[in-house]
Amino acid sequence: MLFSCQVCEEQHCEEDVFVLAASYVDRYLSIVPTPKSTLQLLGSACLFIASKLKEAVPFTADKLVAYTDYSITISQLMVNGTNCVLAVLDPVGSNCRLFK
């Protein structure tokens, strides 16, 4: 969560963005066994979703990928990360995993 906190501080996000993203990460991890190697992707996806809900000018996928030092791709963020987090947060969602 340090990564998410630093991104929010640098971007002067509303406090609610970090809190909501942390809640999403917690909820995802409580349901889906997740390898450490995908935590930055998970955090980025949760920040992306939270900023869309709480910010007047939300993060772009490009910006979040840049913050990861390009360790993830836009495709991973949009397809694997965001879709899987949304599936888990939806009460009737699937058992999507970041990487099967």
Protein backbone atom coordinates (compact mmCIF):
# COMPACT_ATOMS: atom_id res chain seq x y z
CA MET A 1 0.00 0.00 0.00
CA LEU A 2 3.03 2.25 0.25
CA PHE A 3 3.04 2.51 -3.54
CA SER A 4 -0.60 3.62 -3.58
CA CYS A 5 -0.03 6.10 -0.79
CA GLN A 6 2.95 7.67 -2.59
CA VAL A 7 1.03 7.97 -5.85
CA CYS A 8 -1.90 9.63 -4.08
CA GLU A 9 0.39 12.07 -2.27
CA GLU A 10 2.25 13.05 -5.45
CA GLN A 11 -1.00 13.52 -7.36
CA HIS A 12 -2.69 15.41 -4.49
CA CYS A 13 -5.64 13.03 -4.57
CA GLU A 14 -8.66 13.30 -2.41
CA GLU A 15 -8.06 11.31 0.78
CA ASP A 16 -11.01 9.10 -0.13
CA VAL A 17 -9.17 7.74 -3.17
CA PHE A 18 -6.46 6.07 -1.09
CA VAL A 19 -8.94 4.82 1.52
CA LEU A 20 -11.23 3.33 -1.13
CA ALA A 21 -8.31 1.75 -3.02
CA ALA A 22 -7.00 0.21 0.21
CA SER A 23 -10.46 -1.19 0.92
CA TYR A 24 -10.60 -2.73 -2.56
CA VAL A 25 -7.15 -4.30 -2.11
CA ASP A 26 -8.19 -5.71 1.26
CA ARG A 27 -11.45 -7.11 -0.08
CA TYR A 28 -9.71 -8.67 -3.09
CA LEU A 29 -6.95 -10.27 -1.00
CA SER A 30 -9.49 -11.69 1.45
CA ILE A 31 -11.14 -13.59 -1.40
CA VAL A 32 -8.43 -14.37 -3.97
CA PRO A 33 -5.04 -15.94 -3.16
CA THR A 34 -2.64 -13.54 -4.84
CA PRO A 35 1.09 -13.95 -5.49
CA LYS A 36 3.38 -11.15 -4.33
CA SER A 37 4.47 -10.59 -7.92
CA THR A 38 1.02 -9.20 -8.80
CA LEU A 39 0.51 -6.86 -5.84
CA GLN A 40 1.61 -3.75 -7.74
CA LEU A 41 -0.84 -4.60 -10.52
CA LEU A 42 -3.57 -5.12 -7.94
CA GLY A 43 -2.78 -1.83 -6.20
CA SER A 44 -2.73 0.02 -9.51
CA ALA A 45 -6.05 -1.47 -10.59
CA CYS A 46 -7.65 -0.52 -7.27
CA LEU A 47 -6.27 3.03 -7.49
CA PHE A 48 -7.55 3.29 -11.05
CA ILE A 49 -11.08 2.26 -10.03
CA ALA A 50 -11.11 4.40 -6.86
CA SER A 51 -9.93 7.49 -8.73
CA LYS A 52 -12.69 7.02 -11.31
CA LEU A 53 -15.23 7.10 -8.51
CA LYS A 54 -13.78 9.85 -6.30
CA GLU A 55 -11.73 12.26 -8.41
CA ALA A 56 -12.96 15.01 -10.71
CA VAL A 57 -9.95 14.23 -12.92
CA PRO A 58 -9.19 10.53 -12.40
CA PHE A 59 -5.92 8.74 -13.12
CA THR A 60 -5.26 7.64 -16.65
CA ALA A 61 -4.00 4.13 -17.31
CA ASP A 62 -0.85 5.65 -18.85
CA LYS A 63 -0.09 7.61 -15.69
CA LEU A 64 -0.47 4.60 -13.40
CA VAL A 65 1.68 2.42 -15.64
CA ALA A 66 4.37 5.12 -15.56
CA TYR A 67 4.22 5.18 -11.74
CA THR A 68 5.00 1.44 -11.73
CA ASP A 69 8.14 2.19 -13.74
CA TYR A 70 6.51 0.28 -16.57
CA SER A 71 6.60 -2.99 -14.63
CA ILE A 72 3.02 -3.53 -15.79
CA THR A 73 1.44 -2.77 -19.14
CA ILE A 74 -1.72 -0.86 -19.95
CA SER A 75 -3.21 -4.13 -21.18
CA GLN A 76 -2.45 -5.87 -17.87
CA LEU A 77 -3.96 -2.98 -15.94
CA MET A 78 -7.10 -2.76 -18.03
CA VAL A 79 -7.74 -6.42 -18.80
CA ASN A 80 -6.24 -8.45 -15.99
CA GLY A 81 -6.25 -6.00 -13.12
CA THR A 82 -9.33 -3.85 -13.42
CA ASN A 83 -11.66 -6.56 -14.73
CA CYS A 84 -10.64 -9.03 -12.03
CA VAL A 85 -10.99 -6.52 -9.20
CA LEU A 86 -14.42 -5.49 -10.46
CA ALA A 87 -15.48 -9.15 -10.76
CA VAL A 88 -14.55 -9.79 -7.13
CA LEU A 89 -16.17 -6.61 -5.84
CA ASP A 90 -19.40 -7.51 -7.61
CA PRO A 91 -21.39 -9.83 -5.32
CA VAL A 92 -22.28 -12.03 -8.29
CA GLY A 93 -18.77 -11.77 -9.80
CA SER A 94 -16.65 -14.60 -11.07
CA ASN A 95 -13.59 -16.21 -9.49
CA CYS A 96 -11.26 -14.19 -11.70
CA ARG A 97 -7.55 -14.26 -10.85
CA LEU A 98 -4.93 -11.74 -11.88
CA PHE A 99 -2.93 -14.51 -13.50
CA LYS A 100 -4.32 -18.00 -13.91
